[in-house]
Amino acid sequence: MGARTRIPLWVLLPSLAVSVVALGAIAAGVIGIAGARGDLIRQADSNLQACAGQMLSQGFVAGPTSGPAPPGACNMELLSTSGQLLTTRAPGASPGPAIPASPSWLTAHTARPATVPGASGGSWRVLLEAVHYQPQRILFVYGPQDVRYAISGRTARGPAGLVVMMTALTGIDRLTGQVAAGYAAAAGAMLVLLAVAGLAVTRAVLRPLRGTAQSAAVAAPTAFRVALNRISEQMDASRTAEAVARLSAAEMSERLSEVSLELRTPVSIVRGFAEYYRQRGIPRLPAGDPMMRRAANEITRIETLVARLDVHPPHIPPGRPDRD
C-alpha cells in the first residue's frame, strides 16, 4: 500500500467551511429558484383563468384552426369530451401541448390548471373548461377547414366539449434558467472569495499555534523522563521500606523465640521442685500453702503465655523476597 497523504490543517479547515457553505447555498438556491418558478406559473394560471372567464362569459366563435379566438385572446383548442381535437393546427404553426386523450384524465383536470408536455418538446400550462358548441359551416370554403364553432357556456345547447386555454412555459423555463445561472455564478464567486479568505485566516491563526506545538513536542520528552525518574525513586523507596520491615519482623520473631526458650527452663525447674516437695510430703508452714499456690499459678500463667507465643507467632508483613 502506498503512503497515506495527509492534508494540512490549514487546507482542511477552509475546505470544510467552503463545503458547508456550498451545501447551504445549493439548498437556498434550489428553494429560491423553485419559489420563483412557482410564482411565475401561478401568474400564468391567473392569466389563463382570467382569459377563460372573459371569453366564456360573452361567448365566441372559434375558427377551424387553433389559435387566439377572438384575435388577441388566449391561445385555445376545442376538444370533444373523448379528447378528439376539433380545431386543427394552422399551416406552419408550431405544435401545441400533447393533451392525453383520456376521458378520465380530462374529467380529473377540468377547471384545474395542469402542466403537460409539448408535442415537440418543452412544456405547456393548460386550463380545461367544459363548454357547449355549435358547428357552423363557412360559406364558400371547401375542405377540412370549412367549419367553425360557436362556443357558449355550460348551460347552452349543443354538443358538450372542452375548451383548452394554453400557454407555453418556454419563457418561464428560459427565465428560470437565467436566474439559476446568475445565482450559480454569484454563489461560485462568493465561495471562491470565502475559500481565499479562509486560507489566509487559517494560516495566520495556525502559525503561532504551530510554534507552540513544536515547543511542546520538544518539552514533552523531558517532562516524561522526569516523571519516570520520580516513579522509579518512589518504587525504590517502597522496596527499601518493605525490606526494613521484613528484617525488623524477623529479628523480633527471633528474639521472642529466644525469650520463650529461656522462660521454659526456669519454669520447668521450679515446677520440678514443687512436684518433688509435693510427692515427698515435707511439712510446710501454714503460710507456705498460699505461697506455693501462688508460685504454681504464676508458673501456669507463664506456661500459657509461652504456649500461646508458640501457637500464634508475631505477624510478619507479607512482601516479595529480596532479589540480590
C-alpha atoms as a PDB file:
ATOM      1  CA  MET A   1       0.000   0.000   0.000  1.00  0.00           C
ATOM      2  CA  GLY A   2       1.240   3.471  -0.780  1.00  0.00           C
ATOM      3  CA  ALA A   3       1.892   6.132   1.806  1.00  0.00           C
ATOM      4  CA  ARG A   4      -1.237   7.859   3.061  1.00  0.00           C
ATOM      5  CA  THR A   5      -1.403  11.511   2.068  1.00  0.00           C
ATOM      6  CA  ARG A   6      -2.098  13.865   4.954  1.00  0.00           C
ATOM      7  CA  ILE A   7      -3.982  17.062   4.157  1.00  0.00           C
ATOM      8  CA  PRO A   8      -2.575  20.081   6.014  1.00  0.00           C
ATOM      9  CA  LEU A   9      -4.874  21.530   8.633  1.00  0.00           C
ATOM     10  CA  TRP A  10      -4.727  24.996   7.082  1.00  0.00           C
ATOM     11  CA  VAL A  11      -6.169  23.468   3.891  1.00  0.00           C
ATOM     12  CA  LEU A  12      -8.638  21.072   5.534  1.00  0.00           C
ATOM     13  CA  LEU A  13     -10.430  23.650   7.698  1.00  0.00           C
ATOM     14  CA  PRO A  14     -11.221  26.130   4.883  1.00  0.00           C
ATOM     15  CA  SER A  15     -12.271  23.240   2.649  1.00  0.00           C
ATOM     16  CA  LEU A  16     -14.756  22.033   5.242  1.00  0.00           C
ATOM     17  CA  ALA A  17     -16.104  25.551   5.743  1.00  0.00           C
ATOM     18  CA  VAL A  18     -16.495  26.104   2.000  1.00  0.00           C
ATOM     19  CA  SER A  19     -18.209  22.710   1.622  1.00  0.00           C
ATOM     20  CA  VAL A  20     -20.742  23.530   4.332  1.00  0.00           C
ATOM     21  CA  VAL A  21     -21.433  26.960   2.841  1.00  0.00           C
ATOM     22  CA  ALA A  22     -21.719  25.436  -0.647  1.00  0.00           C
ATOM     23  CA  LEU A  23     -24.321  22.921   0.558  1.00  0.00           C
ATOM     24  CA  GLY A  24     -26.281  25.717   2.189  1.00  0.00           C
ATOM     25  CA  ALA A  25     -26.039  27.844  -0.949  1.00  0.00           C
ATOM     26  CA  ILE A  26     -27.248  24.974  -3.131  1.00  0.00           C
ATOM     27  CA  ALA A  27     -30.200  24.303  -0.838  1.00  0.00           C
ATOM     28  CA  ALA A  28     -31.082  28.013  -0.711  1.00  0.00           C
ATOM     29  CA  GLY A  29     -30.705  28.317  -4.483  1.00  0.00           C
ATOM     30  CA  VAL A  30     -32.949  25.331  -5.191  1.00  0.00           C
ATOM     31  CA  ILE A  31     -35.606  26.642  -2.825  1.00  0.00           C
ATOM     32  CA  GLY A  32     -35.375  30.182  -4.188  1.00  0.00           C
ATOM     33  CA  ILE A  33     -35.498  29.156  -7.857  1.00  0.00           C
ATOM     34  CA  ALA A  34     -38.358  26.755  -7.213  1.00  0.00           C
ATOM     35  CA  GLY A  35     -40.254  29.547  -5.443  1.00  0.00           C
ATOM     36  CA  ALA A  36     -39.632  31.970  -8.302  1.00  0.00           C
ATOM     37  CA  ARG A  37     -40.791  29.421 -10.877  1.00  0.00           C
ATOM     38  CA  GLY A  38     -43.871  28.712  -8.775  1.00  0.00           C
ATOM     39  CA  ASP A  39     -44.732  32.419  -8.701  1.00  0.00           C
ATOM     40  CA  LEU A  40     -44.399  32.679 -12.485  1.00  0.00           C
ATOM     41  CA  ILE A  41     -46.578  29.609 -13.022  1.00  0.00           C
ATOM     42  CA  ARG A  42     -49.220  30.960 -10.643  1.00  0.00           C
ATOM     43  CA  GLN A  43     -49.207  34.215 -12.626  1.00  0.00           C
ATOM     44  CA  ALA A  44     -49.671  32.233 -15.859  1.00  0.00           C
ATOM     45  CA  ASP A  45     -52.579  30.327 -14.267  1.00  0.00           C
ATOM     46  CA  SER A  46     -54.208  33.602 -13.262  1.00  0.00           C
ATOM     47  CA  ASN A  47     -53.919  34.860 -16.848  1.00  0.00           C
ATOM     48  CA  LEU A  48     -55.449  31.654 -18.220  1.00  0.00           C
ATOM     49  CA  GLN A  49     -58.353  31.799 -15.753  1.00  0.00           C
ATOM     50  CA  ALA A  50     -58.996  35.476 -16.483  1.00  0.00           C
ATOM     51  CA  CYS A  51     -58.936  34.862 -20.229  1.00  0.00           C
ATOM     52  CA  ALA A  52     -61.239  31.846 -19.958  1.00  0.00           C
ATOM     53  CA  GLY A  53     -63.714  33.731 -17.787  1.00  0.00           C
ATOM     54  CA  GLN A  54     -63.819  36.688 -20.162  1.00  0.00           C
ATOM     55  CA  MET A  55     -64.278  34.559 -23.293  1.00  0.00           C
ATOM     56  CA  LEU A  56     -66.879  32.194 -21.869  1.00  0.00           C
ATOM     57  CA  SER A  57     -68.923  34.950 -20.267  1.00  0.00           C
ATOM     58  CA  GLN A  58     -69.622  36.515 -23.667  1.00  0.00           C
ATOM     59  CA  GLY A  59     -69.420  33.526 -25.952  1.00  0.00           C
ATOM     60  CA  PHE A  60     -67.254  33.492 -29.049  1.00  0.00           C
ATOM     61  CA  VAL A  61     -66.744  31.795 -32.354  1.00  0.00           C
ATOM     62  CA  ALA A  62     -63.662  29.642 -32.805  1.00  0.00           C
ATOM     63  CA  GLY A  63     -62.256  29.258 -36.268  1.00  0.00           C
ATOM     64  CA  PRO A  64     -61.389  25.910 -37.836  1.00  0.00           C
ATOM     65  CA  THR A  65     -57.769  26.201 -36.684  1.00  0.00           C
ATOM     66  CA  SER A  66     -56.224  26.529 -33.224  1.00  0.00           C
ATOM     67  CA  GLY A  67     -55.083  29.940 -32.091  1.00  0.00           C
ATOM     68  CA  PRO A  68     -56.396  33.121 -30.466  1.00  0.00           C
ATOM     69  CA  ALA A  69     -60.153  33.426 -30.653  1.00  0.00           C
ATOM     70  CA  PRO A  70     -61.179  36.162 -30.849  1.00  0.00           C
ATOM     71  CA  PRO A  71     -57.966  37.749 -32.127  1.00  0.00           C
ATOM     72  CA  GLY A  72     -55.745  38.924 -29.268  1.00  0.00           C
ATOM     73  CA  ALA A  73     -57.247  36.471 -26.765  1.00  0.00           C
ATOM     74  CA  CYS A  74     -55.545  33.411 -25.331  1.00  0.00           C
ATOM     75  CA  ASN A  75     -54.455  30.517 -27.474  1.00  0.00           C
ATOM     76  CA  MET A  76     -57.127  27.850 -27.369  1.00  0.00           C
ATOM     77  CA  GLU A  77     -58.175  24.491 -28.739  1.00  0.00           C
ATOM     78  CA  LEU A  78     -61.536  22.781 -28.820  1.00  0.00           C
ATOM     79  CA  LEU A  79     -61.792  19.133 -27.814  1.00  0.00           C
ATOM     80  CA  SER A  80     -64.637  16.709 -27.739  1.00  0.00           C
ATOM     81  CA  THR A  81     -65.415  15.018 -24.426  1.00  0.00           C
ATOM     82  CA  SER A  82     -63.452  11.986 -25.646  1.00  0.00           C
ATOM     83  CA  GLY A  83     -60.329  14.095 -26.246  1.00  0.00           C
ATOM     84  CA  GLN A  84     -60.574  14.421 -30.038  1.00  0.00           C
ATOM     85  CA  LEU A  85     -59.113  17.673 -31.379  1.00  0.00           C
ATOM     86  CA  LEU A  86     -61.831  19.548 -33.306  1.00  0.00           C
ATOM     87  CA  THR A  87     -59.808  22.617 -34.279  1.00  0.00           C
ATOM     88  CA  THR A  88     -56.885  21.667 -36.489  1.00  0.00           C
ATOM     89  CA  ARG A  89     -53.432  23.199 -36.462  1.00  0.00           C
ATOM     90  CA  ALA A  90     -52.909  26.203 -38.679  1.00  0.00           C
ATOM     91  CA  PRO A  91     -50.426  25.623 -41.504  1.00  0.00           C
ATOM     92  CA  GLY A  92     -46.900  26.374 -40.308  1.00  0.00           C
ATOM     93  CA  ALA A  93     -47.941  26.691 -36.677  1.00  0.00           C
ATOM     94  CA  SER A  94     -45.705  25.079 -34.071  1.00  0.00           C
ATOM     95  CA  PRO A  95     -47.130  22.008 -32.317  1.00  0.00           C
ATOM     96  CA  GLY A  96     -49.077  22.687 -29.143  1.00  0.00           C
ATOM     97  CA  PRO A  97     -49.446  20.671 -25.939  1.00  0.00           C
ATOM     98  CA  ALA A  98     -49.790  16.905 -26.034  1.00  0.00           C
ATOM     99  CA  ILE A  99     -53.003  16.575 -24.017  1.00  0.00           C
ATOM    100  CA  PRO A 100     -53.777  12.970 -23.004  1.00  0.00           C
ATOM    101  CA  ALA A 101     -56.820  11.708 -24.948  1.00  0.00           C
ATOM    102  CA  SER A 102     -58.224  10.005 -21.856  1.00  0.00           C
ATOM    103  CA  PRO A 103     -61.731  10.864 -20.619  1.00  0.00           C
ATOM    104  CA  SER A 104     -60.717  10.133 -17.041  1.00  0.00           C
ATOM    105  CA  TRP A 105     -57.725  12.461 -17.255  1.00  0.00           C
ATOM    106  CA  LEU A 106     -59.812  15.178 -18.911  1.00  0.00           C
ATOM    107  CA  THR A 107     -62.504  14.894 -16.244  1.00  0.00           C
ATOM    108  CA  ALA A 108     -59.962  14.984 -13.398  1.00  0.00           C
ATOM    109  CA  HIS A 109     -58.232  18.122 -14.754  1.00  0.00           C
ATOM    110  CA  THR A 110     -61.276  20.137 -15.856  1.00  0.00           C
ATOM    111  CA  ALA A 111     -61.198  23.680 -14.395  1.00  0.00           C
ATOM    112  CA  ARG A 112     -57.804  22.941 -12.843  1.00  0.00           C
ATOM    113  CA  PRO A 113     -54.544  24.257 -14.373  1.00  0.00           C
ATOM    114  CA  ALA A 114     -52.105  21.500 -15.262  1.00  0.00           C
ATOM    115  CA  THR A 115     -48.676  21.175 -16.845  1.00  0.00           C
ATOM    116  CA  VAL A 116     -48.372  18.862 -19.859  1.00  0.00           C
ATOM    117  CA  PRO A 117     -45.501  18.135 -22.223  1.00  0.00           C
ATOM    118  CA  GLY A 118     -45.380  19.734 -25.614  1.00  0.00           C
ATOM    119  CA  ALA A 119     -45.894  17.735 -28.786  1.00  0.00           C
ATOM    120  CA  SER A 120     -42.393  18.732 -29.955  1.00  0.00           C
ATOM    121  CA  GLY A 121     -40.690  19.212 -26.591  1.00  0.00           C
ATOM    122  CA  GLY A 122     -40.907  21.735 -23.824  1.00  0.00           C
ATOM    123  CA  SER A 123     -43.900  22.063 -21.550  1.00  0.00           C
ATOM    124  CA  TRP A 124     -47.242  23.854 -21.552  1.00  0.00           C
ATOM    125  CA  ARG A 125     -49.641  25.130 -18.948  1.00  0.00           C
ATOM    126  CA  VAL A 126     -53.242  24.328 -19.834  1.00  0.00           C
ATOM    127  CA  LEU A 127     -56.693  25.056 -18.393  1.00  0.00           C
ATOM    128  CA  LEU A 128     -59.670  22.956 -19.479  1.00  0.00           C
ATOM    129  CA  GLU A 129     -63.193  24.376 -19.297  1.00  0.00           C
ATOM    130  CA  ALA A 130     -66.401  22.488 -20.096  1.00  0.00           C
ATOM    131  CA  VAL A 131     -68.475  24.190 -22.820  1.00  0.00           C
ATOM    132  CA  HIS A 132     -71.141  23.565 -25.432  1.00  0.00           C
ATOM    133  CA  TYR A 133     -70.544  24.305 -29.081  1.00  0.00           C
ATOM    134  CA  GLN A 134     -72.461  24.541 -32.323  1.00  0.00           C
ATOM    135  CA  PRO A 135     -70.698  23.728 -35.629  1.00  0.00           C
ATOM    136  CA  GLN A 136     -71.275  26.390 -38.329  1.00  0.00           C
ATOM    137  CA  ARG A 137     -70.408  25.913 -41.979  1.00  0.00           C
ATOM    138  CA  ILE A 138     -68.273  28.652 -43.530  1.00  0.00           C
ATOM    139  CA  LEU A 139     -69.717  29.797 -46.860  1.00  0.00           C
ATOM    140  CA  PHE A 140     -67.632  29.497 -49.974  1.00  0.00           C
ATOM    141  CA  VAL A 141     -64.974  27.495 -48.173  1.00  0.00           C
ATOM    142  CA  TYR A 142     -64.462  23.875 -49.105  1.00  0.00           C
ATOM    143  CA  GLY A 143     -62.267  21.300 -47.448  1.00  0.00           C
ATOM    144  CA  PRO A 144     -61.405  20.288 -43.872  1.00  0.00           C
ATOM    145  CA  GLN A 145     -61.393  23.919 -42.712  1.00  0.00           C
ATOM    146  CA  ASP A 146     -64.936  24.795 -43.747  1.00  0.00           C
ATOM    147  CA  VAL A 147     -66.422  24.572 -40.206  1.00  0.00           C
ATOM    148  CA  ARG A 148     -66.247  26.993 -37.362  1.00  0.00           C
ATOM    149  CA  TYR A 149     -67.654  26.600 -33.845  1.00  0.00           C
ATOM    150  CA  ALA A 150     -69.916  28.913 -31.886  1.00  0.00           C
ATOM    151  CA  ILE A 151     -68.876  28.295 -28.262  1.00  0.00           C
ATOM    152  CA  SER A 152     -71.015  29.210 -25.290  1.00  0.00           C
ATOM    153  CA  GLY A 153     -71.183  28.402 -21.586  1.00  0.00           C
ATOM    154  CA  ARG A 154     -72.068  25.134 -19.941  1.00  0.00           C
ATOM    155  CA  THR A 155     -75.835  25.712 -19.945  1.00  0.00           C
ATOM    156  CA  ALA A 156     -76.195  26.397 -23.681  1.00  0.00           C
ATOM    157  CA  ARG A 157     -77.393  23.929 -26.246  1.00  0.00           C
ATOM    158  CA  GLY A 158     -75.252  21.791 -28.460  1.00  0.00           C
ATOM    159  CA  PRO A 159     -72.721  19.025 -28.028  1.00  0.00           C
ATOM    160  CA  ALA A 160     -70.526  19.100 -24.926  1.00  0.00           C
ATOM    161  CA  GLY A 161     -66.854  19.770 -25.348  1.00  0.00           C
ATOM    162  CA  LEU A 162     -63.756  21.175 -23.703  1.00  0.00           C
ATOM    163  CA  VAL A 163     -62.031  24.450 -24.421  1.00  0.00           C
ATOM    164  CA  VAL A 164     -58.306  24.280 -23.714  1.00  0.00           C
ATOM    165  CA  MET A 165     -56.698  27.581 -22.755  1.00  0.00           C
ATOM    166  CA  MET A 166     -52.946  27.149 -23.124  1.00  0.00           C
ATOM    167  CA  THR A 167     -49.676  28.998 -22.788  1.00  0.00           C
ATOM    168  CA  ALA A 168     -46.175  27.733 -23.423  1.00  0.00           C
ATOM    169  CA  LEU A 169     -43.759  27.630 -20.497  1.00  0.00           C
ATOM    170  CA  THR A 170     -40.790  28.312 -22.754  1.00  0.00           C
ATOM    171  CA  GLY A 171     -40.387  31.830 -21.447  1.00  0.00           C
ATOM    172  CA  ILE A 172     -40.705  30.729 -17.832  1.00  0.00           C
ATOM    173  CA  ASP A 173     -38.185  27.940 -18.395  1.00  0.00           C
ATOM    174  CA  ARG A 174     -35.760  30.352 -20.051  1.00  0.00           C
ATOM    175  CA  LEU A 175     -36.156  32.930 -17.283  1.00  0.00           C
ATOM    176  CA  THR A 176     -35.730  30.258 -14.594  1.00  0.00           C
ATOM    177  CA  GLY A 177     -32.564  29.029 -16.297  1.00  0.00           C
ATOM    178  CA  GLN A 178     -31.162  32.579 -16.431  1.00  0.00           C
ATOM    179  CA  VAL A 179     -31.921  33.105 -12.750  1.00  0.00           C
ATOM    180  CA  ALA A 180     -30.279  29.772 -11.889  1.00  0.00           C
ATOM    181  CA  ALA A 181     -27.194  30.598 -13.948  1.00  0.00           C
ATOM    182  CA  GLY A 182     -26.870  34.037 -12.349  1.00  0.00           C
ATOM    183  CA  TYR A 183     -27.282  32.594  -8.872  1.00  0.00           C
ATOM    184  CA  ALA A 184     -24.712  29.883  -9.588  1.00  0.00           C
ATOM    185  CA  ALA A 185     -22.200  32.457 -10.838  1.00  0.00           C
ATOM    186  CA  ALA A 186     -22.724  34.697  -7.796  1.00  0.00           C
ATOM    187  CA  ALA A 187     -22.547  31.753  -5.384  1.00  0.00           C
ATOM    188  CA  GLY A 188     -19.401  30.433  -7.085  1.00  0.00           C
ATOM    189  CA  ALA A 189     -17.668  33.804  -6.825  1.00  0.00           C
ATOM    190  CA  MET A 190     -18.671  34.062  -3.165  1.00  0.00           C
ATOM    191  CA  LEU A 191     -17.336  30.582  -2.435  1.00  0.00           C
ATOM    192  CA  VAL A 192     -14.015  31.382  -4.127  1.00  0.00           C
ATOM    193  CA  LEU A 193     -13.646  34.551  -2.055  1.00  0.00           C
ATOM    194  CA  LEU A 194     -14.607  32.633   1.057  1.00  0.00           C
ATOM    195  CA  ALA A 195     -12.028  29.934   0.324  1.00  0.00           C
ATOM    196  CA  VAL A 196      -9.247  32.507  -0.205  1.00  0.00           C
ATOM    197  CA  ALA A 197     -10.175  34.388   2.961  1.00  0.00           C
ATOM    198  CA  GLY A 198     -10.447  31.137   4.913  1.00  0.00           C
ATOM    199  CA  LEU A 199      -6.985  30.014   3.794  1.00  0.00           C
ATOM    200  CA  ALA A 200      -5.444  33.337   4.776  1.00  0.00           C
ATOM    201  CA  VAL A 201      -7.151  33.489   8.181  1.00  0.00           C
ATOM    202  CA  THR A 202      -6.447  29.843   8.978  1.00  0.00           C
ATOM    203  CA  ARG A 203      -2.755  30.167   8.154  1.00  0.00           C
ATOM    204  CA  ALA A 204      -2.497  33.334  10.249  1.00  0.00           C
ATOM    205  CA  VAL A 205      -4.187  31.645  13.204  1.00  0.00           C
ATOM    206  CA  LEU A 206      -2.375  28.325  12.970  1.00  0.00           C
ATOM    207  CA  ARG A 207       1.137  29.789  12.556  1.00  0.00           C
ATOM    208  CA  PRO A 208       1.618  30.699  16.267  1.00  0.00           C
ATOM    209  CA  LEU A 209      -0.158  27.504  17.298  1.00  0.00           C
ATOM    210  CA  ARG A 210       2.275  25.500  15.192  1.00  0.00           C
ATOM    211  CA  GLY A 211       5.220  27.113  17.030  1.00  0.00           C
ATOM    212  CA  THR A 212       3.628  26.346  20.392  1.00  0.00           C
ATOM    213  CA  ALA A 213       3.013  22.763  19.372  1.00  0.00           C
ATOM    214  CA  GLN A 214       6.640  22.346  18.315  1.00  0.00           C
ATOM    215  CA  SER A 215       7.841  23.754  21.650  1.00  0.00           C
ATOM    216  CA  ALA A 216       5.506  21.408  23.491  1.00  0.00           C
ATOM    217  CA  ALA A 217       6.754  18.494  21.411  1.00  0.00           C
ATOM    218  CA  VAL A 218      10.346  19.332  22.405  1.00  0.00           C
ATOM    219  CA  ALA A 219       9.476  19.739  26.092  1.00  0.00           C
ATOM    220  CA  ALA A 220       7.264  16.645  26.329  1.00  0.00           C
ATOM    221  CA  PRO A 221      10.083  14.018  26.370  1.00  0.00           C
ATOM    222  CA  THR A 222      11.910  15.894  29.167  1.00  0.00           C
ATOM    223  CA  ALA A 223       8.790  16.045  31.344  1.00  0.00           C
ATOM    224  CA  PHE A 224       8.137  12.378  30.642  1.00  0.00           C
ATOM    225  CA  ARG A 225      11.645  11.410  31.733  1.00  0.00           C
ATOM    226  CA  VAL A 226      11.303  13.449  34.942  1.00  0.00           C
ATOM    227  CA  ALA A 227       8.022  11.704  35.733  1.00  0.00           C
ATOM    228  CA  LEU A 228       9.615   8.283  35.108  1.00  0.00           C
ATOM    229  CA  ASN A 229      12.537   9.139  37.424  1.00  0.00           C
ATOM    230  CA  ARG A 230      10.135  10.155  40.190  1.00  0.00           C
ATOM    231  CA  ILE A 231       8.145   6.947  39.829  1.00  0.00           C
ATOM    232  CA  SER A 232      11.363   4.902  39.901  1.00  0.00           C
ATOM    233  CA  GLU A 233      12.528   6.698  43.060  1.00  0.00           C
ATOM    234  CA  GLN A 234       9.201   6.069  44.773  1.00  0.00           C
ATOM    235  CA  MET A 235       9.319   2.372  43.869  1.00  0.00           C
ATOM    236  CA  ASP A 236      12.895   2.073  45.228  1.00  0.00           C
ATOM    237  CA  ALA A 237      11.870   3.765  48.480  1.00  0.00           C
ATOM    238  CA  SER A 238       8.901   1.430  48.799  1.00  0.00           C
ATOM    239  CA  ARG A 239      11.081  -1.661  48.280  1.00  0.00           C
ATOM    240  CA  THR A 240      13.610  -0.379  50.853  1.00  0.00           C
ATOM    241  CA  ALA A 241      10.897   0.242  53.445  1.00  0.00           C
ATOM    242  CA  GLU A 242       9.460  -3.206  52.791  1.00  0.00           C
ATOM    243  CA  ALA A 243      12.853  -4.873  53.257  1.00  0.00           C
ATOM    244  CA  VAL A 244      13.435  -2.984  56.521  1.00  0.00           C
ATOM    245  CA  ALA A 245      10.023  -4.003  57.839  1.00  0.00           C
ATOM    246  CA  ARG A 246      10.638  -7.646  56.960  1.00  0.00           C
ATOM    247  CA  LEU A 247      14.058  -7.547  58.662  1.00  0.00           C
ATOM    248  CA  SER A 248      12.593  -5.973  61.810  1.00  0.00           C
ATOM    249  CA  ALA A 249       9.822  -8.555  61.945  1.00  0.00           C
ATOM    250  CA  ALA A 250      12.311 -11.380  61.531  1.00  0.00           C
ATOM    251  CA  GLU A 251      14.520 -10.015  64.320  1.00  0.00           C
ATOM    252  CA  MET A 252      11.517  -9.614  66.628  1.00  0.00           C
ATOM    253  CA  SER A 253      10.387 -13.175  65.935  1.00  0.00           C
ATOM    254  CA  GLU A 254      13.867 -14.476  66.645  1.00  0.00           C
ATOM    255  CA  ARG A 255      14.078 -12.565  69.948  1.00  0.00           C
ATOM    256  CA  LEU A 256      10.666 -13.802  71.050  1.00  0.00           C
ATOM    257  CA  SER A 257      11.699 -17.374  70.255  1.00  0.00           C
ATOM    258  CA  GLU A 258      14.810 -16.942  72.410  1.00  0.00           C
ATOM    259  CA  VAL A 259      12.740 -15.473  75.261  1.00  0.00           C
ATOM    260  CA  SER A 260      10.306 -18.383  75.019  1.00  0.00           C
ATOM    261  CA  LEU A 261      13.167 -20.847  75.190  1.00  0.00           C
ATOM    262  CA  GLU A 262      14.750 -19.051  78.153  1.00  0.00           C
ATOM    263  CA  LEU A 263      11.442 -18.991  80.031  1.00  0.00           C
ATOM    264  CA  ARG A 264      10.830 -22.689  79.591  1.00  0.00           C
ATOM    265  CA  THR A 265      13.994 -23.666  81.531  1.00  0.00           C
ATOM    266  CA  PRO A 266      13.277 -21.897  84.903  1.00  0.00           C
ATOM    267  CA  VAL A 267       9.618 -22.772  84.676  1.00  0.00           C
ATOM    268  CA  SER A 268      10.477 -26.450  84.267  1.00  0.00           C
ATOM    269  CA  ILE A 269      12.952 -26.314  87.170  1.00  0.00           C
ATOM    270  CA  VAL A 270      10.509 -24.573  89.537  1.00  0.00           C
ATOM    271  CA  ARG A 271       7.704 -26.943  88.577  1.00  0.00           C
ATOM    272  CA  GLY A 272      10.035 -29.906  89.160  1.00  0.00           C
ATOM    273  CA  PHE A 273      10.989 -28.740  92.675  1.00  0.00           C
ATOM    274  CA  ALA A 274       7.341 -28.089  93.515  1.00  0.00           C
ATOM    275  CA  GLU A 275       6.350 -31.572  92.339  1.00  0.00           C
ATOM    276  CA  TYR A 276       9.280 -33.076  94.233  1.00  0.00           C
ATOM    277  CA  TYR A 277       8.256 -31.462  97.522  1.00  0.00           C
ATOM    278  CA  ARG A 278       4.640 -32.398  96.931  1.00  0.00           C
ATOM    279  CA  GLN A 279       5.481 -36.053  96.443  1.00  0.00           C
ATOM    280  CA  ARG A 280       7.885 -36.102  99.397  1.00  0.00           C
ATOM    281  CA  GLY A 281       5.224 -34.799 101.746  1.00  0.00           C
ATOM    282  CA  ILE A 282       7.539 -32.396 103.589  1.00  0.00           C
ATOM    283  CA  PRO A 283       5.527 -30.494 106.216  1.00  0.00           C
ATOM    284  CA  ARG A 284       5.047 -26.867 105.419  1.00  0.00           C
ATOM    285  CA  LEU A 285       4.163 -23.847 107.432  1.00  0.00           C
ATOM    286  CA  PRO A 286       0.541 -22.750 107.338  1.00  0.00           C
ATOM    287  CA  ALA A 287       1.640 -19.658 105.492  1.00  0.00           C
ATOM    288  CA  GLY A 288       3.521 -21.749 102.944  1.00  0.00           C
ATOM    289  CA  ASP A 289       0.467 -23.107 101.176  1.00  0.00           C
ATOM    290  CA  PRO A 290      -0.634 -19.750  99.726  1.00  0.00           C
ATOM    291  CA  MET A 291       2.894 -19.055  98.555  1.00  0.00           C
ATOM    292  CA  MET A 292       3.190 -22.403  96.843  1.00  0.00           C
ATOM    293  CA  ARG A 293      -0.211 -21.925  95.246  1.00  0.00           C
ATOM    294  CA  ARG A 294       0.768 -18.503  94.035  1.00  0.00           C
ATOM    295  CA  ALA A 295       4.031 -19.863  92.631  1.00  0.00           C
ATOM    296  CA  ALA A 296       2.123 -22.662  90.918  1.00  0.00           C
ATOM    297  CA  ASN A 297      -0.369 -20.138  89.465  1.00  0.00           C
ATOM    298  CA  GLU A 298       2.383 -17.893  88.162  1.00  0.00           C
ATOM    299  CA  ILE A 299       4.141 -20.879  86.626  1.00  0.00           C
ATOM    300  CA  THR A 300       0.889 -21.914  84.945  1.00  0.00           C
ATOM    301  CA  ARG A 301       0.358 -18.385  83.609  1.00  0.00           C
ATOM    302  CA  ILE A 302       3.899 -18.231  82.214  1.00  0.00           C
ATOM    303  CA  GLU A 303       3.449 -21.616  80.519  1.00  0.00           C
ATOM    304  CA  THR A 304       0.189 -20.408  78.982  1.00  0.00           C
ATOM    305  CA  LEU A 305       1.889 -17.316  77.604  1.00  0.00           C
ATOM    306  CA  VAL A 306       4.772 -19.370  76.209  1.00  0.00           C
ATOM    307  CA  ALA A 307       2.371 -21.853  74.602  1.00  0.00           C
ATOM    308  CA  ARG A 308       0.339 -19.017  73.091  1.00  0.00           C
ATOM    309  CA  LEU A 309       3.513 -17.494  71.714  1.00  0.00           C
ATOM    310  CA  ASP A 310       4.370 -20.813  70.073  1.00  0.00           C
ATOM    311  CA  VAL A 311       0.911 -21.241  68.534  1.00  0.00           C
ATOM    312  CA  HIS A 312       0.499 -17.601  67.372  1.00  0.00           C
ATOM    313  CA  PRO A 313       3.903 -16.155  66.484  1.00  0.00           C
ATOM    314  CA  PRO A 314       4.093 -12.397  65.730  1.00  0.00           C
ATOM    315  CA  HIS A 315       2.718 -11.351  62.299  1.00  0.00           C
ATOM    316  CA  ILE A 316       5.341 -10.687  59.633  1.00  0.00           C
ATOM    317  CA  PRO A 317       4.118  -8.312  56.875  1.00  0.00           C
ATOM    318  CA  PRO A 318       3.936 -10.158  53.508  1.00  0.00           C
ATOM    319  CA  GLY A 319       6.299  -8.995  50.795  1.00  0.00           C
ATOM    320  CA  ARG A 320       8.315 -10.151  47.864  1.00  0.00           C
ATOM    321  CA  PRO A 321      11.635 -11.732  48.708  1.00  0.00           C
ATOM    322  CA  ASP A 322      14.621  -9.510  48.127  1.00  0.00           C
ATOM    323  CA  ARG A 323      16.418 -10.165  44.899  1.00  0.00           C
ATOM    324  CA  ASP A 324      20.176  -9.794  45.006  1.00  0.00           C
END
